[in-house]
Amino acid sequence: MYNKFVDINTIRRFIKIGEFFVKDHALIESFKERIDFDDIFFAINNGEIIENYPERNRCLIFATLQTKLYLHIVVDYYSETYIDIVTVYIPNSKKWIKGRIRRR
């Protein structure tokens, strides 16, 4: 089990070399939210990790898209050889401040 904090550059490297899987949940949510793969790749390449969950080998990436929409991407990094894009969604403004800070 690969258990450590991951940095955004490591995630970007996996995307660049094609070592990633897109989980069904990410596909379903991206369809529902009308998010295309260009948006996902843009967000990963221009976003930042805003939460890290090392106990689950997972992190949350935040980005502002070119359309000014906020986007969240959950990434699993339990393998040293690839990553999983678990889900993608537009954060709910009732739960997030400007998409970046959790409301308490």
PDB file of N, CA and C in Angstrom:
ATOM      1  N   MET A   1       0.850  -1.184   0.000  1.00  0.00           N
ATOM      2  CA  MET A   1       0.000   0.000   0.000  1.00  0.00           C
ATOM      3  C   MET A   1       0.888   1.237   0.000  1.00  0.00           C
ATOM      4  N   TYR A   2       0.602   2.140  -0.863  1.00  0.00           N
ATOM      5  CA  TYR A   2       1.348   3.382  -1.046  1.00  0.00           C
ATOM      6  C   TYR A   2       0.679   4.440  -0.192  1.00  0.00           C
ATOM      7  N   ASN A   3       1.227   4.726   0.983  1.00  0.00           N
ATOM      8  CA  ASN A   3       0.544   5.616   1.909  1.00  0.00           C
ATOM      9  C   ASN A   3       1.423   6.795   2.277  1.00  0.00           C
ATOM     10  N   LYS A   4       1.212   7.891   1.601  1.00  0.00           N
ATOM     11  CA  LYS A   4       1.891   9.132   1.924  1.00  0.00           C
ATOM     12  C   LYS A   4       1.126  10.263   1.259  1.00  0.00           C
ATOM     13  N   PHE A   5       1.454  11.470   1.644  1.00  0.00           N
ATOM     14  CA  PHE A   5       0.861  12.614   0.955  1.00  0.00           C
ATOM     15  C   PHE A   5       1.406  12.645  -0.458  1.00  0.00           C
ATOM     16  N   VAL A   6       0.569  13.002  -1.380  1.00  0.00           N
ATOM     17  CA  VAL A   6       0.994  13.115  -2.768  1.00  0.00           C
ATOM     18  C   VAL A   6       0.969  14.597  -3.133  1.00  0.00           C
ATOM     19  N   ASP A   7       1.854  14.986  -4.028  1.00  0.00           N
ATOM     20  CA  ASP A   7       1.852  16.378  -4.454  1.00  0.00           C
ATOM     21  C   ASP A   7       1.226  16.490  -5.842  1.00  0.00           C
ATOM     22  N   ILE A   8       0.812  17.690  -6.186  1.00  0.00           N
ATOM     23  CA  ILE A   8       0.108  17.916  -7.442  1.00  0.00           C
ATOM     24  C   ILE A   8       0.982  17.572  -8.645  1.00  0.00           C
ATOM     25  N   ASN A   9       2.281  17.776  -8.541  1.00  0.00           N
ATOM     26  CA  ASN A   9       3.160  17.474  -9.676  1.00  0.00           C
ATOM     27  C   ASN A   9       3.230  15.981  -9.965  1.00  0.00           C
ATOM     28  N   THR A  10       3.132  15.162  -8.937  1.00  0.00           N
ATOM     29  CA  THR A  10       3.094  13.713  -9.144  1.00  0.00           C
ATOM     30  C   THR A  10       1.818  13.325  -9.886  1.00  0.00           C
ATOM     31  N   ILE A  11       0.710  13.897  -9.489  1.00  0.00           N
ATOM     32  CA  ILE A  11      -0.559  13.628 -10.177  1.00  0.00           C
ATOM     33  C   ILE A  11      -0.474  14.082 -11.627  1.00  0.00           C
ATOM     34  N   ARG A  12       0.067  15.260 -11.851  1.00  0.00           N
ATOM     35  CA  ARG A  12       0.205  15.773 -13.222  1.00  0.00           C
ATOM     36  C   ARG A  12       1.085  14.861 -14.075  1.00  0.00           C
ATOM     37  N   ARG A  13       2.132  14.326 -13.462  1.00  0.00           N
ATOM     38  CA  ARG A  13       3.023  13.425 -14.208  1.00  0.00           C
ATOM     39  C   ARG A  13       2.272  12.167 -14.636  1.00  0.00           C
ATOM     40  N   PHE A  14       1.488  11.581 -13.738  1.00  0.00           N
ATOM     41  CA  PHE A  14       0.699  10.395 -14.096  1.00  0.00           C
ATOM     42  C   PHE A  14      -0.278  10.706 -15.231  1.00  0.00           C
ATOM     43  N   ILE A  15      -0.907  11.868 -15.184  1.00  0.00           N
ATOM     44  CA  ILE A  15      -1.830  12.264 -16.257  1.00  0.00           C
ATOM     45  C   ILE A  15      -1.066  12.403 -17.565  1.00  0.00           C
ATOM     46  N   LYS A  16       0.066  13.074 -17.510  1.00  0.00           N
ATOM     47  CA  LYS A  16       0.852  13.328 -18.727  1.00  0.00           C
ATOM     48  C   LYS A  16       1.291  12.040 -19.411  1.00  0.00           C
ATOM     49  N   ILE A  17       1.674  11.039 -18.621  1.00  0.00           N
ATOM     50  CA  ILE A  17       2.156   9.786 -19.223  1.00  0.00           C
ATOM     51  C   ILE A  17       1.030   8.768 -19.420  1.00  0.00           C
ATOM     52  N   GLY A  18      -0.195   9.165 -19.097  1.00  0.00           N
ATOM     53  CA  GLY A  18      -1.347   8.294 -19.346  1.00  0.00           C
ATOM     54  C   GLY A  18      -1.525   7.171 -18.349  1.00  0.00           C
ATOM     55  N   GLU A  19      -0.935   7.299 -17.176  1.00  0.00           N
ATOM     56  CA  GLU A  19      -1.039   6.262 -16.147  1.00  0.00           C
ATOM     57  C   GLU A  19      -2.138   6.618 -15.153  1.00  0.00           C
ATOM     58  N   PHE A  20      -3.369   6.564 -15.628  1.00  0.00           N
ATOM     59  CA  PHE A  20      -4.510   6.866 -14.771  1.00  0.00           C
ATOM     60  C   PHE A  20      -5.733   6.117 -15.282  1.00  0.00           C
ATOM     61  N   PHE A  21      -6.673   5.919 -14.369  1.00  0.00           N
ATOM     62  CA  PHE A  21      -7.969   5.341 -14.698  1.00  0.00           C
ATOM     63  C   PHE A  21      -9.042   6.333 -14.272  1.00  0.00           C
ATOM     64  N   VAL A  22     -10.120   6.369 -15.017  1.00  0.00           N
ATOM     65  CA  VAL A  22     -11.272   7.188 -14.648  1.00  0.00           C
ATOM     66  C   VAL A  22     -12.355   6.227 -14.171  1.00  0.00           C
ATOM     67  N   LYS A  23     -12.691   6.324 -12.905  1.00  0.00           N
ATOM     68  CA  LYS A  23     -13.687   5.435 -12.312  1.00  0.00           C
ATOM     69  C   LYS A  23     -15.089   5.750 -12.843  1.00  0.00           C
ATOM     70  N   ASP A  24     -15.964   4.748 -12.768  1.00  0.00           N
ATOM     71  CA  ASP A  24     -17.334   4.909 -13.249  1.00  0.00           C
ATOM     72  C   ASP A  24     -18.033   6.108 -12.610  1.00  0.00           C
ATOM     73  N   HIS A  25     -17.814   6.292 -11.314  1.00  0.00           N
ATOM     74  CA  HIS A  25     -18.468   7.406 -10.622  1.00  0.00           C
ATOM     75  C   HIS A  25     -18.057   8.740 -11.238  1.00  0.00           C
ATOM     76  N   ALA A  26     -16.785   8.876 -11.587  1.00  0.00           N
ATOM     77  CA  ALA A  26     -16.309  10.105 -12.232  1.00  0.00           C
ATOM     78  C   ALA A  26     -16.970  10.295 -13.592  1.00  0.00           C
ATOM     79  N   LEU A  27     -17.120   9.211 -14.331  1.00  0.00           N
ATOM     80  CA  LEU A  27     -17.775   9.301 -15.643  1.00  0.00           C
ATOM     81  C   LEU A  27     -19.232   9.733 -15.508  1.00  0.00           C
ATOM     82  N   ILE A  28     -19.934   9.122 -14.561  1.00  0.00           N
ATOM     83  CA  ILE A  28     -21.349   9.442 -14.353  1.00  0.00           C
ATOM     84  C   ILE A  28     -21.517  10.893 -13.914  1.00  0.00           C
ATOM     85  N   GLU A  29     -20.718  11.301 -12.931  1.00  0.00           N
ATOM     86  CA  GLU A  29     -20.835  12.669 -12.421  1.00  0.00           C
ATOM     87  C   GLU A  29     -20.428  13.695 -13.473  1.00  0.00           C
ATOM     88  N   SER A  30     -19.399  13.402 -14.238  1.00  0.00           N
ATOM     89  CA  SER A  30     -18.980  14.359 -15.268  1.00  0.00           C
ATOM     90  C   SER A  30     -20.080  14.521 -16.317  1.00  0.00           C
ATOM     91  N   PHE A  31     -20.760  13.436 -16.634  1.00  0.00           N
ATOM     92  CA  PHE A  31     -21.876  13.513 -17.579  1.00  0.00           C
ATOM     93  C   PHE A  31     -23.011  14.357 -16.997  1.00  0.00           C
ATOM     94  N   LYS A  32     -23.370  14.083 -15.732  1.00  0.00           N
ATOM     95  CA  LYS A  32     -24.462  14.823 -15.089  1.00  0.00           C
ATOM     96  C   LYS A  32     -24.142  16.313 -14.962  1.00  0.00           C
ATOM     97  N   GLU A  33     -22.883  16.615 -14.662  1.00  0.00           N
ATOM     98  CA  GLU A  33     -22.464  18.009 -14.450  1.00  0.00           C
ATOM     99  C   GLU A  33     -22.036  18.702 -15.749  1.00  0.00           C
ATOM    100  N   ARG A  34     -22.032  17.926 -16.853  1.00  0.00           N
ATOM    101  CA  ARG A  34     -21.594  18.448 -18.159  1.00  0.00           C
ATOM    102  C   ARG A  34     -20.152  18.943 -18.120  1.00  0.00           C
ATOM    103  N   ILE A  35     -19.321  18.115 -17.519  1.00  0.00           N
ATOM    104  CA  ILE A  35     -17.890  18.380 -17.434  1.00  0.00           C
ATOM    105  C   ILE A  35     -17.215  17.444 -18.421  1.00  0.00           C
ATOM    106  N   ASP A  36     -16.409  17.985 -19.316  1.00  0.00           N
ATOM    107  CA  ASP A  36     -15.739  17.101 -20.269  1.00  0.00           C
ATOM    108  C   ASP A  36     -14.298  16.835 -19.825  1.00  0.00           C
ATOM    109  N   PHE A  37     -13.647  15.926 -20.526  1.00  0.00           N
ATOM    110  CA  PHE A  37     -12.297  15.542 -20.123  1.00  0.00           C
ATOM    111  C   PHE A  37     -11.305  16.682 -20.263  1.00  0.00           C
ATOM    112  N   ASP A  38     -11.524  17.573 -21.204  1.00  0.00           N
ATOM    113  CA  ASP A  38     -10.654  18.748 -21.300  1.00  0.00           C
ATOM    114  C   ASP A  38     -10.717  19.564 -20.014  1.00  0.00           C
ATOM    115  N   ASP A  39     -11.918  19.692 -19.434  1.00  0.00           N
ATOM    116  CA  ASP A  39     -12.066  20.406 -18.163  1.00  0.00           C
ATOM    117  C   ASP A  39     -11.314  19.690 -17.042  1.00  0.00           C
ATOM    118  N   ILE A  40     -11.423  18.377 -17.012  1.00  0.00           N
ATOM    119  CA  ILE A  40     -10.746  17.594 -15.968  1.00  0.00           C
ATOM    120  C   ILE A  40      -9.237  17.750 -16.084  1.00  0.00           C
ATOM    121  N   PHE A  41      -8.714  17.616 -17.283  1.00  0.00           N
ATOM    122  CA  PHE A  41      -7.267  17.743 -17.475  1.00  0.00           C
ATOM    123  C   PHE A  41      -6.801  19.172 -17.210  1.00  0.00           C
ATOM    124  N   PHE A  42      -7.590  20.151 -17.625  1.00  0.00           N
ATOM    125  CA  PHE A  42      -7.263  21.546 -17.329  1.00  0.00           C
ATOM    126  C   PHE A  42      -7.190  21.751 -15.817  1.00  0.00           C
ATOM    127  N   ALA A  43      -8.185  21.223 -15.104  1.00  0.00           N
ATOM    128  CA  ALA A  43      -8.238  21.395 -13.649  1.00  0.00           C
ATOM    129  C   ALA A  43      -7.037  20.755 -12.964  1.00  0.00           C
ATOM    130  N   ILE A  44      -6.662  19.574 -13.389  1.00  0.00           N
ATOM    131  CA  ILE A  44      -5.507  18.918 -12.774  1.00  0.00           C
ATOM    132  C   ILE A  44      -4.229  19.693 -13.084  1.00  0.00           C
ATOM    133  N   ASN A  45      -4.102  20.166 -14.300  1.00  0.00           N
ATOM    134  CA  ASN A  45      -2.882  20.879 -14.695  1.00  0.00           C
ATOM    135  C   ASN A  45      -2.796  22.295 -14.149  1.00  0.00           C
ATOM    136  N   ASN A  46      -3.916  22.856 -13.730  1.00  0.00           N
ATOM    137  CA  ASN A  46      -3.918  24.236 -13.251  1.00  0.00           C
ATOM    138  C   ASN A  46      -4.433  24.388 -11.828  1.00  0.00           C
ATOM    139  N   GLY A  47      -4.876  23.296 -11.238  1.00  0.00           N
ATOM    140  CA  GLY A  47      -5.472  23.355  -9.913  1.00  0.00           C
ATOM    141  C   GLY A  47      -4.475  23.128  -8.796  1.00  0.00           C
ATOM    142  N   GLU A  48      -5.038  22.937  -7.617  1.00  0.00           N
ATOM    143  CA  GLU A  48      -4.224  22.711  -6.423  1.00  0.00           C
ATOM    144  C   GLU A  48      -4.918  21.690  -5.527  1.00  0.00           C
ATOM    145  N   ILE A  49      -4.118  20.997  -4.748  1.00  0.00           N
ATOM    146  CA  ILE A  49      -4.673  20.085  -3.747  1.00  0.00           C
ATOM    147  C   ILE A  49      -5.126  20.931  -2.567  1.00  0.00           C
ATOM    148  N   ILE A  50      -6.414  20.814  -2.221  1.00  0.00           N
ATOM    149  CA  ILE A  50      -6.926  21.593  -1.088  1.00  0.00           C
ATOM    150  C   ILE A  50      -7.187  20.728   0.138  1.00  0.00           C
ATOM    151  N   GLU A  51      -7.278  19.425  -0.060  1.00  0.00           N
ATOM    152  CA  GLU A  51      -7.419  18.506   1.071  1.00  0.00           C
ATOM    153  C   GLU A  51      -6.677  17.225   0.730  1.00  0.00           C
ATOM    154  N   ASN A  52      -6.000  16.687   1.719  1.00  0.00           N
ATOM    155  CA  ASN A  52      -5.284  15.433   1.559  1.00  0.00           C
ATOM    156  C   ASN A  52      -5.816  14.464   2.598  1.00  0.00           C
ATOM    157  N   TYR A  53      -6.106  13.246   2.187  1.00  0.00           N
ATOM    158  CA  TYR A  53      -6.636  12.220   3.079  1.00  0.00           C
ATOM    159  C   TYR A  53      -5.682  11.023   3.052  1.00  0.00           C
ATOM    160  N   PRO A  54      -4.535  11.113   3.716  1.00  0.00           N
ATOM    161  CA  PRO A  54      -3.523  10.057   3.606  1.00  0.00           C
ATOM    162  C   PRO A  54      -3.997   8.703   4.115  1.00  0.00           C
ATOM    163  N   GLU A  55      -4.931   8.686   5.062  1.00  0.00           N
ATOM    164  CA  GLU A  55      -5.435   7.411   5.572  1.00  0.00           C
ATOM    165  C   GLU A  55      -6.222   6.659   4.499  1.00  0.00           C
ATOM    166  N   ARG A  56      -6.658   7.377   3.465  1.00  0.00           N
ATOM    167  CA  ARG A  56      -7.397   6.758   2.358  1.00  0.00           C
ATOM    168  C   ARG A  56      -6.613   6.833   1.054  1.00  0.00           C
ATOM    169  N   ASN A  57      -5.379   7.357   1.124  1.00  0.00           N
ATOM    170  CA  ASN A  57      -4.564   7.535  -0.086  1.00  0.00           C
ATOM    171  C   ASN A  57      -5.344   8.310  -1.142  1.00  0.00           C
ATOM    172  N   ARG A  58      -5.868   9.435  -0.730  1.00  0.00           N
ATOM    173  CA  ARG A  58      -6.776  10.197  -1.580  1.00  0.00           C
ATOM    174  C   ARG A  58      -6.560  11.689  -1.341  1.00  0.00           C
ATOM    175  N   CYS A  59      -6.850  12.487  -2.367  1.00  0.00           N
ATOM    176  CA  CYS A  59      -6.789  13.932  -2.203  1.00  0.00           C
ATOM    177  C   CYS A  59      -7.894  14.590  -3.015  1.00  0.00           C
ATOM    178  N   LEU A  60      -8.136  15.854  -2.703  1.00  0.00           N
ATOM    179  CA  LEU A  60      -9.144  16.652  -3.388  1.00  0.00           C
ATOM    180  C   LEU A  60      -8.444  17.802  -4.094  1.00  0.00           C
ATOM    181  N   ILE A  61      -8.656  17.888  -5.395  1.00  0.00           N
ATOM    182  CA  ILE A  61      -8.075  18.959  -6.206  1.00  0.00           C
ATOM    183  C   ILE A  61      -9.165  19.978  -6.501  1.00  0.00           C
ATOM    184  N   PHE A  62      -8.790  21.242  -6.406  1.00  0.00           N
ATOM    185  CA  PHE A  62      -9.689  22.351  -6.725  1.00  0.00           C
ATOM    186  C   PHE A  62      -9.105  23.146  -7.877  1.00  0.00           C
ATOM    187  N   ALA A  63      -9.977  23.586  -8.780  1.00  0.00           N
ATOM    188  CA  ALA A  63      -9.552  24.480  -9.859  1.00  0.00           C
ATOM    189  C   ALA A  63     -10.718  25.352 -10.282  1.00  0.00           C
ATOM    190  N   THR A  64     -10.369  26.491 -10.840  1.00  0.00           N
ATOM    191  CA  THR A  64     -11.348  27.342 -11.500  1.00  0.00           C
ATOM    192  C   THR A  64     -11.168  27.126 -12.994  1.00  0.00           C
ATOM    193  N   LEU A  65     -12.228  26.706 -13.648  1.00  0.00           N
ATOM    194  CA  LEU A  65     -12.156  26.439 -15.082  1.00  0.00           C
ATOM    195  C   LEU A  65     -12.143  27.748 -15.871  1.00  0.00           C
ATOM    196  N   GLN A  66     -11.835  27.652 -17.136  1.00  0.00           N
ATOM    197  CA  GLN A  66     -11.820  28.831 -18.000  1.00  0.00           C
ATOM    198  C   GLN A  66     -13.201  29.473 -18.084  1.00  0.00           C
ATOM    199  N   THR A  67     -14.235  28.688 -17.840  1.00  0.00           N
ATOM    200  CA  THR A  67     -15.615  29.201 -17.837  1.00  0.00           C
ATOM    201  C   THR A  67     -15.971  29.866 -16.510  1.00  0.00           C
ATOM    202  N   LYS A  68     -15.011  29.915 -15.589  1.00  0.00           N
ATOM    203  CA  LYS A  68     -15.159  30.489 -14.242  1.00  0.00           C
ATOM    204  C   LYS A  68     -15.916  29.579 -13.279  1.00  0.00           C
ATOM    205  N   LEU A  69     -16.274  28.382 -13.717  1.00  0.00           N
ATOM    206  CA  LEU A  69     -16.864  27.400 -12.806  1.00  0.00           C
ATOM    207  C   LEU A  69     -15.772  26.806 -11.930  1.00  0.00           C
ATOM    208  N   TYR A  70     -16.133  26.479 -10.693  1.00  0.00           N
ATOM    209  CA  TYR A  70     -15.217  25.770  -9.806  1.00  0.00           C
ATOM    210  C   TYR A  70     -15.388  24.281 -10.047  1.00  0.00           C
ATOM    211  N   LEU A  71     -14.302  23.541  -9.908  1.00  0.00           N
ATOM    212  CA  LEU A  71     -14.353  22.096 -10.108  1.00  0.00           C
ATOM    213  C   LEU A  71     -13.549  21.397  -9.028  1.00  0.00           C
ATOM    214  N   HIS A  72     -14.097  20.300  -8.511  1.00  0.00           N
ATOM    215  CA  HIS A  72     -13.394  19.420  -7.579  1.00  0.00           C
ATOM    216  C   HIS A  72     -13.145  18.086  -8.266  1.00  0.00           C
ATOM    217  N   ILE A  73     -11.981  17.537  -8.011  1.00  0.00           N
ATOM    218  CA  ILE A  73     -11.618  16.217  -8.519  1.00  0.00           C
ATOM    219  C   ILE A  73     -11.029  15.426  -7.361  1.00  0.00           C
ATOM    220  N   VAL A  74     -11.570  14.249  -7.114  1.00  0.00           N
ATOM    221  CA  VAL A  74     -11.031  13.364  -6.084  1.00  0.00           C
ATOM    222  C   VAL A  74     -10.149  12.336  -6.774  1.00  0.00           C
ATOM    223  N   VAL A  75      -8.918  12.223  -6.277  1.00  0.00           N
ATOM    224  CA  VAL A  75      -7.919  11.330  -6.868  1.00  0.00           C
ATOM    225  C   VAL A  75      -7.430  10.338  -5.817  1.00  0.00           C
ATOM    226  N   ASP A  76      -7.400   9.058  -6.177  1.00  0.00           N
ATOM    227  CA  ASP A  76      -6.776   8.012  -5.352  1.00  0.00           C
ATOM    228  C   ASP A  76      -5.351   7.813  -5.831  1.00  0.00           C
ATOM    229  N   TYR A  77      -4.433   7.662  -4.888  1.00  0.00           N
ATOM    230  CA  TYR A  77      -3.033   7.440  -5.244  1.00  0.00           C
ATOM    231  C   TYR A  77      -2.447   6.275  -4.448  1.00  0.00           C
ATOM    232  N   TYR A  78      -3.206   5.198  -4.358  1.00  0.00           N
ATOM    233  CA  TYR A  78      -2.768   4.045  -3.572  1.00  0.00           C
ATOM    234  C   TYR A  78      -1.720   3.207  -4.288  1.00  0.00           C
ATOM    235  N   SER A  79      -1.475   3.462  -5.550  1.00  0.00           N
ATOM    236  CA  SER A  79      -0.468   2.735  -6.321  1.00  0.00           C
ATOM    237  C   SER A  79       0.695   3.669  -6.635  1.00  0.00           C
ATOM    238  N   GLU A  80       1.880   3.111  -6.739  1.00  0.00           N
ATOM    239  CA  GLU A  80       3.041   3.906  -7.142  1.00  0.00           C
ATOM    240  C   GLU A  80       3.148   4.006  -8.651  1.00  0.00           C
ATOM    241  N   THR A  81       2.259   3.335  -9.387  1.00  0.00           N
ATOM    242  CA  THR A  81       2.395   3.294 -10.840  1.00  0.00           C
ATOM    243  C   THR A  81       1.251   3.960 -11.599  1.00  0.00           C
ATOM    244  N   TYR A  82       0.182   4.336 -10.920  1.00  0.00           N
ATOM    245  CA  TYR A  82      -0.925   5.023 -11.583  1.00  0.00           C
ATOM    246  C   TYR A  82      -1.814   5.686 -10.531  1.00  0.00           C
ATOM    247  N   ILE A  83      -2.738   6.516 -10.997  1.00  0.00           N
ATOM    248  CA  ILE A  83      -3.732   7.129 -10.118  1.00  0.00           C
ATOM    249  C   ILE A  83      -5.127   6.821 -10.645  1.00  0.00           C
ATOM    250  N   ASP A  84      -6.114   6.966  -9.783  1.00  0.00           N
ATOM    251  CA  ASP A  84      -7.517   6.846 -10.171  1.00  0.00           C
ATOM    252  C   ASP A  84      -8.190   8.206 -10.006  1.00  0.00           C
ATOM    253  N   ILE A  85      -8.922   8.619 -11.016  1.00  0.00           N
ATOM    254  CA  ILE A  85      -9.808   9.768 -10.880  1.00  0.00           C
ATOM    255  C   ILE A  85     -11.133   9.193 -10.393  1.00  0.00           C
ATOM    256  N   VAL A  86     -11.423   9.419  -9.123  1.00  0.00           N
ATOM    257  CA  VAL A  86     -12.558   8.781  -8.459  1.00  0.00           C
ATOM    258  C   VAL A  86     -13.869   9.467  -8.807  1.00  0.00           C
ATOM    259  N   THR A  87     -13.883  10.775  -8.695  1.00  0.00           N
ATOM    260  CA  THR A  87     -15.082  11.533  -9.039  1.00  0.00           C
ATOM    261  C   THR A  87     -14.712  12.964  -9.369  1.00  0.00           C
ATOM    262  N   VAL A  88     -15.616  13.629 -10.029  1.00  0.00           N
ATOM    263  CA  VAL A  88     -15.476  15.051 -10.354  1.00  0.00           C
ATOM    264  C   VAL A  88     -16.838  15.696 -10.112  1.00  0.00           C
ATOM    265  N   TYR A  89     -16.817  16.918  -9.630  1.00  0.00           N
ATOM    266  CA  TYR A  89     -18.093  17.593  -9.392  1.00  0.00           C
ATOM    267  C   TYR A  89     -17.887  19.094  -9.239  1.00  0.00           C
ATOM    268  N   ILE A  90     -18.956  19.817  -9.456  1.00  0.00           N
ATOM    269  CA  ILE A  90     -18.978  21.251  -9.191  1.00  0.00           C
ATOM    270  C   ILE A  90     -19.381  21.410  -7.731  1.00  0.00           C
ATOM    271  N   PRO A  91     -18.522  22.019  -6.914  1.00  0.00           N
ATOM    272  CA  PRO A  91     -18.826  22.104  -5.486  1.00  0.00           C
ATOM    273  C   PRO A  91     -20.075  22.941  -5.204  1.00  0.00           C
ATOM    274  N   ASN A  92     -20.836  22.482  -4.233  1.00  0.00           N
ATOM    275  CA  ASN A  92     -22.067  23.143  -3.809  1.00  0.00           C
ATOM    276  C   ASN A  92     -21.706  24.388  -2.996  1.00  0.00           C
ATOM    277  N   SER A  93     -22.228  25.531  -3.397  1.00  0.00           N
ATOM    278  CA  SER A  93     -21.903  26.786  -2.707  1.00  0.00           C
ATOM    279  C   SER A  93     -22.434  26.819  -1.271  1.00  0.00           C
ATOM    280  N   LYS A  94     -23.366  25.934  -0.936  1.00  0.00           N
ATOM    281  CA  LYS A  94     -23.843  25.852   0.445  1.00  0.00           C
ATOM    282  C   LYS A  94     -22.837  25.124   1.336  1.00  0.00           C
ATOM    283  N   LYS A  95     -21.937  24.363   0.717  1.00  0.00           N
ATOM    284  CA  LYS A  95     -20.938  23.597   1.470  1.00  0.00           C
ATOM    285  C   LYS A  95     -19.529  24.163   1.327  1.00  0.00           C
ATOM    286  N   TRP A  96     -19.316  24.994   0.301  1.00  0.00           N
ATOM    287  CA  TRP A  96     -17.976  25.496  -0.003  1.00  0.00           C
ATOM    288  C   TRP A  96     -18.005  27.000  -0.241  1.00  0.00           C
ATOM    289  N   ILE A  97     -17.009  27.687   0.247  1.00  0.00           N
ATOM    290  CA  ILE A  97     -16.830  29.113  -0.014  1.00  0.00           C
ATOM    291  C   ILE A  97     -15.892  29.246  -1.205  1.00  0.00           C
ATOM    292  N   LYS A  98     -16.404  29.813  -2.281  1.00  0.00           N
ATOM    293  CA  LYS A  98     -15.650  29.976  -3.527  1.00  0.00           C
ATOM    294  C   LYS A  98     -14.995  28.674  -3.975  1.00  0.00           C
ATOM    295  N   GLY A  99     -15.631  27.558  -3.650  1.00  0.00           N
ATOM    296  CA  GLY A  99     -15.158  26.255  -4.081  1.00  0.00           C
ATOM    297  C   GLY A  99     -13.936  25.735  -3.367  1.00  0.00           C
ATOM    298  N   ARG A 100     -13.325  26.541  -2.536  1.00  0.00           N
ATOM    299  CA  ARG A 100     -12.026  26.201  -1.959  1.00  0.00           C
ATOM    300  C   ARG A 100     -12.058  25.915  -0.460  1.00  0.00           C
ATOM    301  N   ILE A 101     -12.951  26.559   0.267  1.00  0.00           N
ATOM    302  CA  ILE A 101     -12.955  26.449   1.731  1.00  0.00           C
ATOM    303  C   ILE A 101     -14.281  25.843   2.180  1.00  0.00           C
ATOM    304  N   ARG A 102     -14.183  24.781   2.981  1.00  0.00           N
ATOM    305  CA  ARG A 102     -15.396  24.144   3.515  1.00  0.00           C
ATOM    306  C   ARG A 102     -16.097  25.070   4.489  1.00  0.00           C
ATOM    307  N   ARG A 103     -17.402  25.147   4.318  1.00  0.00           N
ATOM    308  CA  ARG A 103     -18.194  25.896   5.303  1.00  0.00           C
ATOM    309  C   ARG A 103     -18.314  25.043   6.564  1.00  0.00           C
ATOM    310  N   ARG A 104     -18.346  25.674   7.685  1.00  0.00           N
ATOM    311  CA  ARG A 104     -18.454  24.963   8.970  1.00  0.00           C
ATOM    312  C   ARG A 104     -19.874  24.982   9.465  1.00  0.00           C
TER     313      ARG A 104
END
